[in-house]
Amino acid sequence: MAYDIFLKIDGIDGESMDDKHKNEIEVLSWRWNIHQESTMHA
């Protein structure tokens, strides 16, 4: 599933030309990992 993601940081202008997100930063890649340590009991 693809999404358009934009980042807005006060005082920093991005290069987005999107009508709803002018001067915001266009996020080109996003990665989210969750890792849970587990143990095996006999």
Protein backbone atom coordinates (compact mmCIF):
# COMPACT_ATOMS: atom_id res chain seq x y z
CA MET A 1 0.00 0.00 0.00
CA ALA A 2 1.46 3.36 -1.01
CA TYR A 3 0.98 6.66 0.80
CA ASP A 4 2.02 10.25 0.18
CA ILE A 5 3.79 11.40 3.35
CA PHE A 6 4.93 14.95 4.07
CA LEU A 7 6.92 16.35 6.99
CA LYS A 8 6.44 19.90 8.26
CA ILE A 9 9.12 21.40 10.52
CA ASP A 10 8.80 25.02 11.68
CA GLY A 11 11.57 27.16 10.18
CA ILE A 12 12.59 24.61 7.54
CA ASP A 13 11.19 24.81 4.01
CA GLY A 14 10.91 21.64 1.95
CA GLU A 15 10.65 21.30 -1.81
CA SER A 16 7.15 19.80 -2.12
CA MET A 17 5.05 21.20 -4.95
CA ASP A 18 1.89 19.40 -3.81
CA ASP A 19 -1.02 21.88 -3.63
CA LYS A 20 -1.95 20.81 -0.09
CA HIS A 21 1.65 20.54 1.16
CA LYS A 22 3.56 23.48 -0.35
CA ASN A 23 7.11 23.86 1.00
CA GLU A 24 6.86 20.76 3.15
CA ILE A 25 9.38 17.93 3.03
CA GLU A 26 8.28 14.98 0.90
CA VAL A 27 9.11 11.70 2.65
CA LEU A 28 10.51 9.29 0.07
CA SER A 29 11.04 6.32 2.37
CA TRP A 30 9.65 5.26 5.74
CA ARG A 31 10.46 2.13 7.69
CA TRP A 32 8.89 0.94 10.91
CA ASN A 33 10.06 -2.15 12.78
CA ILE A 34 8.79 -3.73 15.95
CA HIS A 35 10.85 -6.41 17.63
CA GLN A 36 9.93 -8.32 20.73
CA GLU A 37 12.44 -10.50 22.51
CA SER A 38 11.04 -13.84 23.59
CA THR A 39 12.30 -16.90 25.37
CA MET A 40 11.30 -20.50 24.90
CA HIS A 41 10.52 -22.52 28.01
CA ALA A 42 10.32 -26.31 28.04
